[in-house]
Amino acid sequence: MDPDPVELNLVCPVEHSLFVKPICLPCGHTIDESALIKSIEANKVLHRGPARLTRCPLDNVHTIGELCKPAKRHINVLVMQNVDAFVRQYPHHPLSVEFLDNRRASNLVRAGELFAQGNVVEAARLGHPEAQAAMEQQQRKAQADKLVARADRVFENDRGDPKYMTLLERACSVYECDEILVKRAIAYKEGFGVEPDEGKALKRLMRTQMYQSLLPPDLRRARK
């Protein structure tokens, strides 16, 4: 039988759910930050102004106005650690399931803020879909760049080595971009073999403005 998280003081007495971010109040109570924010916002509406005299939602006596500023809030680290331990040990408990759902939702909100600020790495870690896609794209590009660098070294050692085109093909399969396509078109033009259909596609590419703009300077001069 699972232990009762209420008896273990792991449940916010206001929200009646596991603490996500337990905040210590000056009066000695601990409530979740979400309950604190709701209390502050309700007081703002009630007084039509700054919530300077916000009171503890549990006893309605002690004022907690200084906690209107996030920097003034102190997290009950011990309670947070105990909640995490409970969730890990009893992941199928209804309150644990709710806690994990709330944490995921909270992480996505925070991830959206981080993504908007340009912190793609941290946003991806918190599960932001666009950030994760951007990170995957960066990883694919880095892998393709390594393959292109290998291909260039092969070409420097032996300008006729078929491995050159093979490595470029692999780079394209990992991350297709205009620069790699142009390299392949140049290689095809210089006699490296490709499949017939692909050869037709590369010929069409050579007729585009993009191909002309990405040609190396020496090849542009040769054309002139």
N, C-alpha and C. Protein backbone atom coordinates (compact mmCIF):
# COMPACT_ATOMS: atom_id res chain seq x y z
N MET A 1 0.85 -1.20 0.00
CA MET A 1 0.00 0.00 0.00
C MET A 1 0.89 1.25 0.00
N ASP A 2 0.57 2.20 -0.89
CA ASP A 2 1.36 3.42 -0.98
C ASP A 2 1.13 4.29 0.25
N PRO A 3 2.18 4.97 0.74
CA PRO A 3 2.01 5.88 1.86
C PRO A 3 1.17 7.10 1.47
N ASP A 4 0.59 7.74 2.45
CA ASP A 4 -0.24 8.92 2.20
C ASP A 4 0.66 10.14 2.11
N PRO A 5 0.76 10.79 0.94
CA PRO A 5 1.64 11.96 0.82
C PRO A 5 1.20 13.13 1.69
N VAL A 6 -0.09 13.16 2.07
CA VAL A 6 -0.55 14.24 2.96
C VAL A 6 0.11 14.10 4.32
N GLU A 7 0.13 12.88 4.83
CA GLU A 7 0.77 12.63 6.12
C GLU A 7 2.26 12.89 6.07
N LEU A 8 2.86 12.77 4.89
CA LEU A 8 4.29 13.01 4.73
C LEU A 8 4.59 14.49 4.48
N ASN A 9 3.54 15.33 4.54
CA ASN A 9 3.69 16.78 4.31
C ASN A 9 4.25 17.10 2.93
N LEU A 10 3.79 16.34 1.95
CA LEU A 10 4.24 16.55 0.57
C LEU A 10 3.18 17.23 -0.29
N VAL A 11 2.03 17.53 0.31
CA VAL A 11 0.90 18.09 -0.43
C VAL A 11 0.67 19.53 0.00
N CYS A 12 0.51 20.42 -0.98
CA CYS A 12 0.22 21.83 -0.68
C CYS A 12 -1.16 21.92 -0.04
N PRO A 13 -1.29 22.54 1.13
CA PRO A 13 -2.59 22.63 1.81
C PRO A 13 -3.58 23.54 1.10
N VAL A 14 -3.11 24.29 0.13
CA VAL A 14 -4.01 25.18 -0.63
C VAL A 14 -4.42 24.53 -1.95
N GLU A 15 -3.44 24.02 -2.68
CA GLU A 15 -3.70 23.43 -3.99
C GLU A 15 -4.15 21.97 -3.89
N HIS A 16 -3.87 21.30 -2.78
CA HIS A 16 -4.20 19.89 -2.57
C HIS A 16 -3.58 18.99 -3.64
N SER A 17 -2.36 19.33 -4.01
CA SER A 17 -1.57 18.51 -4.94
C SER A 17 -0.13 18.54 -4.45
N LEU A 18 0.69 17.62 -4.97
CA LEU A 18 2.09 17.58 -4.55
C LEU A 18 2.76 18.92 -4.83
N PHE A 19 3.62 19.31 -3.93
CA PHE A 19 4.38 20.55 -4.13
C PHE A 19 5.22 20.45 -5.41
N VAL A 20 5.15 21.51 -6.21
CA VAL A 20 6.02 21.62 -7.37
C VAL A 20 7.18 22.56 -7.03
N LYS A 21 6.84 23.69 -6.41
CA LYS A 21 7.84 24.65 -5.96
C LYS A 21 7.40 25.18 -4.60
N PRO A 22 7.72 24.45 -3.53
CA PRO A 22 7.27 24.86 -2.19
C PRO A 22 7.98 26.12 -1.70
N ILE A 23 7.20 27.12 -1.28
CA ILE A 23 7.74 28.39 -0.82
C ILE A 23 7.49 28.55 0.68
N CYS A 24 8.54 28.90 1.40
CA CYS A 24 8.42 29.14 2.84
C CYS A 24 7.86 30.55 3.08
N LEU A 25 6.79 30.66 3.84
CA LEU A 25 6.20 31.94 4.18
C LEU A 25 6.78 32.45 5.50
N PRO A 26 6.77 33.77 5.71
CA PRO A 26 7.29 34.32 6.97
C PRO A 26 6.58 33.78 8.21
N CYS A 27 5.31 33.37 8.05
CA CYS A 27 4.54 32.87 9.19
C CYS A 27 4.90 31.44 9.55
N GLY A 28 5.71 30.78 8.73
CA GLY A 28 6.11 29.41 9.01
C GLY A 28 5.43 28.38 8.15
N HIS A 29 4.36 28.76 7.44
CA HIS A 29 3.68 27.83 6.55
C HIS A 29 4.50 27.65 5.26
N THR A 30 4.25 26.54 4.60
CA THR A 30 4.82 26.28 3.27
C THR A 30 3.68 26.01 2.31
N ILE A 31 3.63 26.78 1.23
CA ILE A 31 2.62 26.56 0.19
C ILE A 31 3.32 26.54 -1.16
N ASP A 32 2.64 26.02 -2.15
CA ASP A 32 3.24 25.98 -3.48
C ASP A 32 3.24 27.37 -4.09
N GLU A 33 4.24 27.64 -4.93
CA GLU A 33 4.34 28.96 -5.54
C GLU A 33 3.10 29.31 -6.35
N SER A 34 2.47 28.30 -6.96
CA SER A 34 1.26 28.57 -7.74
C SER A 34 0.15 29.12 -6.85
N ALA A 35 0.02 28.59 -5.61
CA ALA A 35 -0.98 29.10 -4.67
C ALA A 35 -0.64 30.51 -4.22
N LEU A 36 0.67 30.75 -4.02
CA LEU A 36 1.11 32.09 -3.61
C LEU A 36 0.78 33.11 -4.69
N ILE A 37 1.06 32.77 -5.93
CA ILE A 37 0.80 33.70 -7.04
C ILE A 37 -0.70 33.98 -7.17
N LYS A 38 -1.52 32.95 -7.01
CA LYS A 38 -2.97 33.14 -7.07
C LYS A 38 -3.44 34.08 -5.98
N SER A 39 -2.88 33.94 -4.78
CA SER A 39 -3.25 34.79 -3.66
C SER A 39 -2.86 36.24 -3.91
N ILE A 40 -1.66 36.43 -4.46
CA ILE A 40 -1.17 37.79 -4.76
C ILE A 40 -2.04 38.43 -5.84
N GLU A 41 -2.35 37.69 -6.90
CA GLU A 41 -3.17 38.22 -7.99
C GLU A 41 -4.58 38.54 -7.52
N ALA A 42 -5.14 37.67 -6.66
CA ALA A 42 -6.50 37.92 -6.13
C ALA A 42 -6.51 39.19 -5.30
N ASN A 43 -5.45 39.43 -4.54
CA ASN A 43 -5.38 40.62 -3.72
C ASN A 43 -5.24 41.89 -4.56
N LYS A 44 -4.53 41.76 -5.68
CA LYS A 44 -4.41 42.90 -6.60
C LYS A 44 -5.77 43.31 -7.14
N VAL A 45 -6.56 42.29 -7.53
CA VAL A 45 -7.90 42.56 -8.06
C VAL A 45 -8.78 43.18 -6.97
N LEU A 46 -8.67 42.65 -5.74
CA LEU A 46 -9.50 43.12 -4.63
C LEU A 46 -9.20 44.58 -4.30
N HIS A 47 -7.93 44.94 -4.28
CA HIS A 47 -7.55 46.29 -3.88
C HIS A 47 -7.23 47.20 -5.06
N ARG A 48 -7.36 46.67 -6.25
CA ARG A 48 -7.12 47.46 -7.47
C ARG A 48 -5.76 48.15 -7.45
N GLY A 49 -4.76 47.43 -7.03
CA GLY A 49 -3.43 48.01 -6.98
C GLY A 49 -2.42 47.00 -6.49
N PRO A 50 -1.21 47.45 -6.17
CA PRO A 50 -0.17 46.53 -5.69
C PRO A 50 -0.61 45.76 -4.46
N ALA A 51 -0.24 44.49 -4.42
CA ALA A 51 -0.68 43.63 -3.32
C ALA A 51 0.30 43.74 -2.14
N ARG A 52 0.33 44.92 -1.49
CA ARG A 52 1.29 45.14 -0.42
C ARG A 52 0.90 44.40 0.86
N LEU A 53 -0.39 44.18 1.06
CA LEU A 53 -0.84 43.56 2.30
C LEU A 53 -1.42 42.17 2.07
N THR A 54 -0.90 41.47 1.06
CA THR A 54 -1.35 40.10 0.82
C THR A 54 -1.12 39.27 2.08
N ARG A 55 -2.13 38.50 2.46
CA ARG A 55 -2.04 37.71 3.69
C ARG A 55 -1.87 36.23 3.35
N CYS A 56 -1.36 35.50 4.31
CA CYS A 56 -1.19 34.05 4.16
C CYS A 56 -2.55 33.43 3.88
N PRO A 57 -2.69 32.67 2.81
CA PRO A 57 -4.01 32.08 2.49
C PRO A 57 -4.47 31.02 3.49
N LEU A 58 -3.59 30.62 4.41
CA LEU A 58 -3.98 29.59 5.38
C LEU A 58 -4.55 30.17 6.67
N ASP A 59 -3.97 31.29 7.14
CA ASP A 59 -4.50 31.86 8.39
C ASP A 59 -5.11 33.25 8.19
N ASN A 60 -4.87 33.88 7.04
CA ASN A 60 -5.42 35.19 6.71
C ASN A 60 -5.05 36.24 7.76
N VAL A 61 -3.92 36.03 8.41
CA VAL A 61 -3.48 36.97 9.44
C VAL A 61 -2.13 37.57 9.08
N HIS A 62 -1.16 36.69 8.88
CA HIS A 62 0.20 37.17 8.62
C HIS A 62 0.32 37.70 7.19
N THR A 63 0.97 38.84 7.06
CA THR A 63 1.15 39.43 5.73
C THR A 63 2.37 38.81 5.03
N ILE A 64 2.28 38.70 3.73
CA ILE A 64 3.36 38.11 2.94
C ILE A 64 3.69 39.00 1.75
N GLY A 65 3.47 40.30 1.93
CA GLY A 65 3.64 41.24 0.81
C GLY A 65 5.01 41.21 0.18
N GLU A 66 6.07 40.96 1.01
CA GLU A 66 7.43 40.96 0.44
C GLU A 66 7.63 39.83 -0.56
N LEU A 67 6.77 38.81 -0.51
CA LEU A 67 6.91 37.68 -1.42
C LEU A 67 6.30 37.96 -2.79
N CYS A 68 5.78 39.18 -2.97
CA CYS A 68 5.29 39.55 -4.31
C CYS A 68 6.45 39.56 -5.31
N LYS A 69 7.66 39.80 -4.79
CA LYS A 69 8.84 39.79 -5.66
C LYS A 69 9.46 38.39 -5.65
N PRO A 70 9.60 37.75 -6.83
CA PRO A 70 10.17 36.39 -6.89
C PRO A 70 11.52 36.26 -6.20
N ALA A 71 12.33 37.32 -6.22
CA ALA A 71 13.65 37.26 -5.62
C ALA A 71 13.59 37.09 -4.10
N LYS A 72 12.45 37.44 -3.51
CA LYS A 72 12.30 37.35 -2.05
C LYS A 72 11.78 35.98 -1.60
N ARG A 73 11.47 35.11 -2.54
CA ARG A 73 10.88 33.82 -2.19
C ARG A 73 11.97 32.78 -1.92
N HIS A 74 11.77 32.03 -0.86
CA HIS A 74 12.73 30.98 -0.50
C HIS A 74 12.08 29.61 -0.65
N ILE A 75 12.73 28.75 -1.42
CA ILE A 75 12.20 27.41 -1.68
C ILE A 75 12.53 26.49 -0.51
N ASN A 76 11.54 25.70 -0.13
CA ASN A 76 11.75 24.67 0.89
C ASN A 76 12.40 23.47 0.19
N VAL A 77 13.72 23.46 0.18
CA VAL A 77 14.47 22.46 -0.58
C VAL A 77 14.20 21.05 -0.08
N LEU A 78 14.09 20.88 1.23
CA LEU A 78 13.86 19.55 1.80
C LEU A 78 12.54 18.96 1.31
N VAL A 79 11.49 19.79 1.32
CA VAL A 79 10.18 19.32 0.83
C VAL A 79 10.27 18.95 -0.64
N MET A 80 10.96 19.77 -1.43
CA MET A 80 11.09 19.49 -2.86
C MET A 80 11.82 18.16 -3.09
N GLN A 81 12.86 17.92 -2.33
CA GLN A 81 13.61 16.66 -2.46
C GLN A 81 12.75 15.46 -2.06
N ASN A 82 11.95 15.63 -1.01
CA ASN A 82 11.07 14.54 -0.56
C ASN A 82 9.99 14.24 -1.59
N VAL A 83 9.48 15.29 -2.24
CA VAL A 83 8.47 15.10 -3.29
C VAL A 83 9.07 14.32 -4.46
N ASP A 84 10.27 14.73 -4.89
CA ASP A 84 10.93 14.04 -6.00
C ASP A 84 11.17 12.56 -5.67
N ALA A 85 11.57 12.30 -4.43
CA ALA A 85 11.81 10.91 -4.01
C ALA A 85 10.51 10.12 -4.02
N PHE A 86 9.42 10.73 -3.57
CA PHE A 86 8.11 10.05 -3.55
C PHE A 86 7.66 9.73 -4.97
N VAL A 87 7.81 10.69 -5.87
CA VAL A 87 7.37 10.49 -7.26
C VAL A 87 8.18 9.40 -7.94
N ARG A 88 9.49 9.36 -7.67
CA ARG A 88 10.32 8.31 -8.25
C ARG A 88 9.94 6.93 -7.70
N GLN A 89 9.60 6.86 -6.42
CA GLN A 89 9.30 5.58 -5.80
C GLN A 89 7.88 5.12 -6.10
N TYR A 90 6.95 6.07 -6.24
CA TYR A 90 5.54 5.72 -6.48
C TYR A 90 5.02 6.49 -7.71
N PRO A 91 5.57 6.20 -8.90
CA PRO A 91 5.19 6.97 -10.10
C PRO A 91 3.74 6.80 -10.53
N HIS A 92 3.08 5.70 -10.09
CA HIS A 92 1.70 5.45 -10.53
C HIS A 92 0.68 5.97 -9.53
N HIS A 93 1.13 6.55 -8.44
CA HIS A 93 0.20 7.16 -7.49
C HIS A 93 -0.51 8.32 -8.19
N PRO A 94 -1.83 8.48 -8.01
CA PRO A 94 -2.57 9.55 -8.71
C PRO A 94 -1.95 10.93 -8.57
N LEU A 95 -1.46 11.25 -7.37
CA LEU A 95 -0.85 12.56 -7.17
C LEU A 95 0.50 12.66 -7.89
N SER A 96 1.20 11.53 -8.03
CA SER A 96 2.46 11.53 -8.78
C SER A 96 2.20 11.75 -10.26
N VAL A 97 1.18 11.11 -10.78
CA VAL A 97 0.82 11.28 -12.19
C VAL A 97 0.45 12.73 -12.47
N GLU A 98 -0.36 13.31 -11.57
CA GLU A 98 -0.76 14.72 -11.71
C GLU A 98 0.47 15.63 -11.63
N PHE A 99 1.36 15.31 -10.69
CA PHE A 99 2.58 16.11 -10.51
C PHE A 99 3.42 16.11 -11.78
N LEU A 100 3.62 14.94 -12.38
CA LEU A 100 4.43 14.84 -13.59
C LEU A 100 3.79 15.59 -14.75
N ASP A 101 2.45 15.50 -14.84
CA ASP A 101 1.74 16.25 -15.89
C ASP A 101 1.93 17.75 -15.70
N ASN A 102 1.81 18.19 -14.44
CA ASN A 102 1.98 19.62 -14.15
C ASN A 102 3.41 20.07 -14.44
N ARG A 103 4.37 19.21 -14.10
CA ARG A 103 5.77 19.56 -14.35
C ARG A 103 6.04 19.68 -15.84
N ARG A 104 5.49 18.75 -16.62
CA ARG A 104 5.68 18.83 -18.08
C ARG A 104 5.07 20.11 -18.64
N ALA A 105 3.87 20.45 -18.16
CA ALA A 105 3.21 21.67 -18.64
C ALA A 105 4.03 22.90 -18.24
N SER A 106 4.53 22.90 -17.01
CA SER A 106 5.34 24.02 -16.53
C SER A 106 6.64 24.12 -17.33
N ASN A 107 7.25 22.98 -17.63
CA ASN A 107 8.49 22.97 -18.40
C ASN A 107 8.27 23.52 -19.81
N LEU A 108 7.12 23.19 -20.40
CA LEU A 108 6.84 23.68 -21.76
C LEU A 108 6.64 25.19 -21.78
N VAL A 109 6.00 25.70 -20.73
CA VAL A 109 5.82 27.16 -20.63
C VAL A 109 7.18 27.84 -20.52
N ARG A 110 8.01 27.31 -19.62
CA ARG A 110 9.35 27.87 -19.44
C ARG A 110 10.19 27.71 -20.71
N ALA A 111 10.03 26.56 -21.38
CA ALA A 111 10.76 26.32 -22.62
C ALA A 111 10.38 27.33 -23.69
N GLY A 112 9.09 27.67 -23.75
CA GLY A 112 8.64 28.67 -24.71
C GLY A 112 9.27 30.03 -24.45
N GLU A 113 9.40 30.38 -23.18
CA GLU A 113 10.04 31.66 -22.81
C GLU A 113 11.51 31.64 -23.21
N LEU A 114 12.19 30.53 -22.93
CA LEU A 114 13.61 30.42 -23.25
C LEU A 114 13.83 30.45 -24.77
N PHE A 115 12.94 29.78 -25.51
CA PHE A 115 13.06 29.75 -26.97
C PHE A 115 12.89 31.15 -27.54
N ALA A 116 11.95 31.89 -26.98
CA ALA A 116 11.73 33.27 -27.44
C ALA A 116 12.94 34.15 -27.15
N GLN A 117 13.69 33.82 -26.09
CA GLN A 117 14.89 34.57 -25.73
C GLN A 117 16.11 34.11 -26.52
N GLY A 118 15.96 33.04 -27.29
CA GLY A 118 17.08 32.54 -28.09
C GLY A 118 17.89 31.45 -27.44
N ASN A 119 17.46 30.98 -26.27
CA ASN A 119 18.18 29.90 -25.58
C ASN A 119 17.63 28.56 -26.07
N VAL A 120 18.07 28.18 -27.25
CA VAL A 120 17.53 26.99 -27.92
C VAL A 120 17.92 25.70 -27.19
N VAL A 121 19.14 25.64 -26.68
CA VAL A 121 19.63 24.42 -26.04
C VAL A 121 18.80 24.07 -24.81
N GLU A 122 18.60 25.06 -23.94
CA GLU A 122 17.85 24.81 -22.70
C GLU A 122 16.38 24.57 -23.01
N ALA A 123 15.84 25.28 -24.01
CA ALA A 123 14.44 25.07 -24.39
C ALA A 123 14.23 23.66 -24.92
N ALA A 124 15.20 23.17 -25.69
CA ALA A 124 15.11 21.79 -26.21
C ALA A 124 15.16 20.78 -25.08
N ARG A 125 16.01 21.05 -24.07
CA ARG A 125 16.13 20.13 -22.92
C ARG A 125 14.80 20.04 -22.16
N LEU A 126 14.05 21.13 -22.16
CA LEU A 126 12.77 21.14 -21.44
C LEU A 126 11.61 20.65 -22.31
N GLY A 127 11.91 20.26 -23.55
CA GLY A 127 10.89 19.61 -24.38
C GLY A 127 10.20 20.49 -25.40
N HIS A 128 10.74 21.67 -25.71
CA HIS A 128 10.11 22.54 -26.71
C HIS A 128 10.27 21.92 -28.10
N PRO A 129 9.18 21.62 -28.80
CA PRO A 129 9.28 20.90 -30.09
C PRO A 129 10.13 21.63 -31.13
N GLU A 130 9.92 22.94 -31.29
CA GLU A 130 10.69 23.68 -32.30
C GLU A 130 12.17 23.73 -31.93
N ALA A 131 12.45 23.89 -30.65
CA ALA A 131 13.85 23.92 -30.21
C ALA A 131 14.51 22.57 -30.44
N GLN A 132 13.78 21.49 -30.15
CA GLN A 132 14.33 20.16 -30.37
C GLN A 132 14.59 19.92 -31.85
N ALA A 133 13.67 20.40 -32.70
CA ALA A 133 13.87 20.26 -34.15
C ALA A 133 15.09 21.06 -34.60
N ALA A 134 15.25 22.25 -34.03
CA ALA A 134 16.40 23.09 -34.39
C ALA A 134 17.71 22.44 -33.95
N MET A 135 17.70 21.84 -32.76
CA MET A 135 18.90 21.16 -32.27
C MET A 135 19.24 19.96 -33.15
N GLU A 136 18.22 19.21 -33.54
CA GLU A 136 18.44 18.05 -34.42
C GLU A 136 19.02 18.51 -35.76
N GLN A 137 18.49 19.64 -36.26
CA GLN A 137 18.99 20.19 -37.52
C GLN A 137 20.46 20.59 -37.39
N GLN A 138 20.82 21.19 -36.26
CA GLN A 138 22.22 21.58 -36.03
C GLN A 138 23.13 20.37 -35.98
N GLN A 139 22.66 19.32 -35.33
CA GLN A 139 23.47 18.10 -35.23
C GLN A 139 23.66 17.46 -36.60
N ARG A 140 22.58 17.46 -37.41
CA ARG A 140 22.69 16.89 -38.76
C ARG A 140 23.66 17.71 -39.62
N LYS A 141 23.58 19.03 -39.46
CA LYS A 141 24.48 19.89 -40.24
C LYS A 141 25.94 19.66 -39.83
N ALA A 142 26.17 19.53 -38.52
CA ALA A 142 27.53 19.28 -38.04
C ALA A 142 28.06 17.97 -38.59
N GLN A 143 27.21 16.94 -38.62
CA GLN A 143 27.61 15.65 -39.16
C GLN A 143 27.92 15.76 -40.65
N ALA A 144 27.09 16.51 -41.37
CA ALA A 144 27.31 16.70 -42.81
C ALA A 144 28.59 17.48 -43.07
N ASP A 145 28.86 18.48 -42.24
CA ASP A 145 30.08 19.28 -42.40
C ASP A 145 31.33 18.41 -42.26
N LYS A 146 31.28 17.46 -41.32
CA LYS A 146 32.41 16.55 -41.14
C LYS A 146 32.62 15.69 -42.38
N LEU A 147 31.51 15.22 -42.97
CA LEU A 147 31.61 14.39 -44.18
C LEU A 147 32.17 15.20 -45.34
N VAL A 148 31.73 16.46 -45.45
CA VAL A 148 32.23 17.32 -46.53
C VAL A 148 33.73 17.58 -46.33
N ALA A 149 34.14 17.79 -45.09
CA ALA A 149 35.56 18.01 -44.81
C ALA A 149 36.38 16.78 -45.20
N ARG A 150 35.86 15.59 -44.91
CA ARG A 150 36.54 14.35 -45.31
C ARG A 150 36.63 14.26 -46.83
N ALA A 151 35.52 14.63 -47.49
CA ALA A 151 35.50 14.58 -48.95
C ALA A 151 36.54 15.52 -49.54
N ASP A 152 36.66 16.71 -48.95
CA ASP A 152 37.64 17.69 -49.45
C ASP A 152 39.07 17.16 -49.30
N ARG A 153 39.33 16.48 -48.18
CA ARG A 153 40.68 15.92 -47.98
C ARG A 153 40.97 14.83 -49.01
N VAL A 154 39.94 14.00 -49.30
CA VAL A 154 40.09 12.95 -50.32
C VAL A 154 40.40 13.59 -51.68
N PHE A 155 39.69 14.66 -52.00
CA PHE A 155 39.86 15.33 -53.29
C PHE A 155 41.25 15.95 -53.40
N GLU A 156 41.76 16.49 -52.29
CA GLU A 156 43.09 17.09 -52.30
C GLU A 156 44.17 16.03 -52.56
N ASN A 157 43.96 14.83 -52.01
CA ASN A 157 44.94 13.75 -52.18
C ASN A 157 44.86 13.10 -53.55
N ASP A 158 43.64 12.96 -54.05
CA ASP A 158 43.46 12.30 -55.36
C ASP A 158 42.20 12.85 -56.00
N ARG A 159 42.39 13.75 -56.97
CA ARG A 159 41.24 14.44 -57.58
C ARG A 159 40.31 13.49 -58.32
N GLY A 160 40.72 12.25 -58.56
CA GLY A 160 39.86 11.31 -59.28
C GLY A 160 39.29 10.22 -58.39
N ASP A 161 39.51 10.30 -57.09
CA ASP A 161 39.05 9.25 -56.16
C ASP A 161 37.52 9.27 -56.06
N PRO A 162 36.84 8.15 -56.41
CA PRO A 162 35.37 8.10 -56.36
C PRO A 162 34.81 8.27 -54.94
N LYS A 163 35.66 8.10 -53.93
CA LYS A 163 35.19 8.30 -52.56
C LYS A 163 34.71 9.74 -52.34
N TYR A 164 35.26 10.65 -53.13
CA TYR A 164 34.88 12.05 -53.01
C TYR A 164 33.38 12.22 -53.20
N MET A 165 32.86 11.68 -54.29
CA MET A 165 31.42 11.79 -54.57
C MET A 165 30.61 10.98 -53.57
N THR A 166 31.13 9.82 -53.16
CA THR A 166 30.43 8.99 -52.18
C THR A 166 30.22 9.73 -50.87
N LEU A 167 31.27 10.42 -50.41
CA LEU A 167 31.17 11.18 -49.16
C LEU A 167 30.21 12.35 -49.31
N LEU A 168 30.21 13.00 -50.45
CA LEU A 168 29.26 14.10 -50.68
C LEU A 168 27.82 13.58 -50.70
N GLU A 169 27.63 12.40 -51.29
CA GLU A 169 26.29 11.80 -51.30
C GLU A 169 25.83 11.52 -49.88
N ARG A 170 26.72 11.00 -49.05
CA ARG A 170 26.37 10.73 -47.66
C ARG A 170 26.05 12.02 -46.92
N ALA A 171 26.82 13.07 -47.21
CA ALA A 171 26.56 14.36 -46.57
C ALA A 171 25.18 14.89 -46.95
N CYS A 172 24.82 14.72 -48.22
CA CYS A 172 23.50 15.16 -48.69
C CYS A 172 22.37 14.37 -48.03
N SER A 173 22.61 13.08 -47.83
CA SER A 173 21.56 12.25 -47.21
C SER A 173 21.34 12.62 -45.75
N VAL A 174 22.40 13.14 -45.10
CA VAL A 174 22.29 13.55 -43.70
C VAL A 174 21.67 14.94 -43.59
N TYR A 175 22.14 15.86 -44.42
CA TYR A 175 21.67 17.26 -44.35
C TYR A 175 21.83 17.88 -45.73
N GLU A 176 20.73 17.99 -46.42
CA GLU A 176 20.78 18.52 -47.78
C GLU A 176 20.73 20.04 -47.74
N CYS A 177 21.74 20.66 -48.32
CA CYS A 177 21.76 22.12 -48.41
C CYS A 177 22.34 22.52 -49.76
N ASP A 178 22.16 23.76 -50.13
CA ASP A 178 22.57 24.23 -51.46
C ASP A 178 24.07 24.08 -51.68
N GLU A 179 24.87 24.37 -50.64
CA GLU A 179 26.32 24.33 -50.80
C GLU A 179 26.80 22.92 -51.17
N ILE A 180 26.24 21.91 -50.49
CA ILE A 180 26.66 20.53 -50.78
C ILE A 180 26.18 20.11 -52.16
N LEU A 181 24.97 20.51 -52.53
CA LEU A 181 24.44 20.18 -53.85
C LEU A 181 25.32 20.77 -54.95
N VAL A 182 25.77 21.99 -54.75
CA VAL A 182 26.63 22.63 -55.75
C VAL A 182 27.96 21.88 -55.85
N LYS A 183 28.53 21.46 -54.71
CA LYS A 183 29.76 20.67 -54.74
C LYS A 183 29.57 19.40 -55.56
N ARG A 184 28.40 18.75 -55.37
CA ARG A 184 28.13 17.52 -56.11
C ARG A 184 27.97 17.81 -57.61
N ALA A 185 27.32 18.95 -57.91
CA ALA A 185 27.14 19.31 -59.33
C ALA A 185 28.48 19.57 -59.99
N ILE A 186 29.38 20.24 -59.28
CA ILE A 186 30.72 20.52 -59.83
C ILE A 186 31.47 19.20 -60.05
N ALA A 187 31.36 18.32 -59.06
CA ALA A 187 32.04 17.01 -59.18
C ALA A 187 31.47 16.23 -60.35
N TYR A 188 30.15 16.28 -60.52
CA TYR A 188 29.52 15.57 -61.64
C TYR A 188 30.01 16.15 -62.97
N LYS A 189 30.13 17.47 -63.01
CA LYS A 189 30.57 18.13 -64.24
C LYS A 189 32.02 17.76 -64.58
N GLU A 190 32.80 17.46 -63.50
CA GLU A 190 34.20 17.11 -63.72
C GLU A 190 34.41 15.62 -63.97
N GLY A 191 33.28 14.87 -64.07
CA GLY A 191 33.39 13.49 -64.49
C GLY A 191 33.09 12.43 -63.45
N PHE A 192 32.72 12.85 -62.24
CA PHE A 192 32.36 11.86 -61.23
C PHE A 192 30.99 11.28 -61.55
N GLY A 193 30.87 9.96 -61.47
CA GLY A 193 29.63 9.30 -61.87
C GLY A 193 28.54 9.37 -60.81
N VAL A 194 27.29 9.45 -61.31
CA VAL A 194 26.12 9.40 -60.44
C VAL A 194 25.04 8.59 -61.16
N GLU A 195 23.95 8.32 -60.46
CA GLU A 195 22.82 7.63 -61.10
C GLU A 195 22.23 8.54 -62.18
N PRO A 196 21.67 7.93 -63.26
CA PRO A 196 21.14 8.74 -64.38
C PRO A 196 20.13 9.81 -63.95
N ASP A 197 19.16 9.42 -63.10
CA ASP A 197 18.15 10.40 -62.67
C ASP A 197 18.79 11.54 -61.88
N GLU A 198 19.77 11.17 -61.08
CA GLU A 198 20.43 12.20 -60.29
C GLU A 198 21.26 13.10 -61.19
N GLY A 199 21.84 12.52 -62.23
CA GLY A 199 22.61 13.32 -63.17
C GLY A 199 21.73 14.37 -63.83
N LYS A 200 20.50 14.01 -64.17
CA LYS A 200 19.56 14.97 -64.76
C LYS A 200 19.23 16.08 -63.78
N ALA A 201 19.05 15.70 -62.51
CA ALA A 201 18.74 16.71 -61.49
C ALA A 201 19.90 17.67 -61.30
N LEU A 202 21.12 17.15 -61.34
CA LEU A 202 22.28 18.02 -61.18
C LEU A 202 22.45 18.94 -62.38
N LYS A 203 22.11 18.45 -63.56
CA LYS A 203 22.18 19.31 -64.75
C LYS A 203 21.18 20.46 -64.64
N ARG A 204 19.99 20.15 -64.12
CA ARG A 204 18.99 21.22 -63.93
C ARG A 204 19.50 22.23 -62.90
N LEU A 205 20.17 21.71 -61.87
CA LEU A 205 20.71 22.59 -60.83
C LEU A 205 21.73 23.56 -61.41
N MET A 206 22.55 23.07 -62.37
CA MET A 206 23.60 23.92 -62.95
C MET A 206 23.02 25.11 -63.70
N ARG A 207 21.76 25.02 -64.07
CA ARG A 207 21.15 26.12 -64.83
C ARG A 207 20.49 27.16 -63.92
N THR A 208 20.55 26.94 -62.63
CA THR A 208 19.87 27.86 -61.70
C THR A 208 20.79 29.00 -61.30
N GLN A 209 20.17 30.10 -60.86
CA GLN A 209 20.92 31.25 -60.39
C GLN A 209 21.66 30.91 -59.09
N MET A 210 21.04 30.07 -58.28
CA MET A 210 21.66 29.66 -57.03
C MET A 210 23.01 28.98 -57.28
N TYR A 211 23.04 28.12 -58.28
CA TYR A 211 24.28 27.40 -58.62
C TYR A 211 25.36 28.40 -59.02
N GLN A 212 24.99 29.37 -59.85
CA GLN A 212 25.96 30.36 -60.32
C GLN A 212 26.48 31.20 -59.15
N SER A 213 25.59 31.52 -58.20
CA SER A 213 26.01 32.39 -57.08
C SER A 213 26.91 31.66 -56.10
N LEU A 214 26.80 30.32 -56.01
CA LEU A 214 27.58 29.56 -55.05
C LEU A 214 28.85 28.95 -55.65
N LEU A 215 29.08 29.19 -56.93
CA LEU A 215 30.31 28.69 -57.55
C LEU A 215 31.53 29.33 -56.90
N PRO A 216 32.59 28.57 -56.68
CA PRO A 216 33.84 29.17 -56.15
C PRO A 216 34.34 30.23 -57.11
N PRO A 217 35.02 31.27 -56.61
CA PRO A 217 35.50 32.38 -57.46
C PRO A 217 36.33 31.92 -58.66
N ASP A 218 37.19 30.92 -58.45
CA ASP A 218 38.05 30.48 -59.55
C ASP A 218 37.23 29.87 -60.68
N LEU A 219 36.17 29.16 -60.35
CA LEU A 219 35.32 28.56 -61.39
C LEU A 219 34.49 29.63 -62.09
N ARG A 220 34.10 30.69 -61.34
CA ARG A 220 33.36 31.78 -61.98
C ARG A 220 34.27 32.46 -63.02
N ARG A 221 35.53 32.68 -62.63
CA ARG A 221 36.45 33.33 -63.58
C ARG A 221 36.68 32.43 -64.80
N ALA A 222 36.73 31.10 -64.57
CA ALA A 222 36.95 30.17 -65.69
C ALA A 222 35.79 30.23 -66.67
N ARG A 223 34.58 30.43 -66.13
CA ARG A 223 33.40 30.49 -67.01
C ARG A 223 33.46 31.71 -67.89
N LYS A 224 33.99 32.81 -67.29
CA LYS A 224 34.06 34.04 -68.06
C LYS A 224 35.14 33.95 -69.14
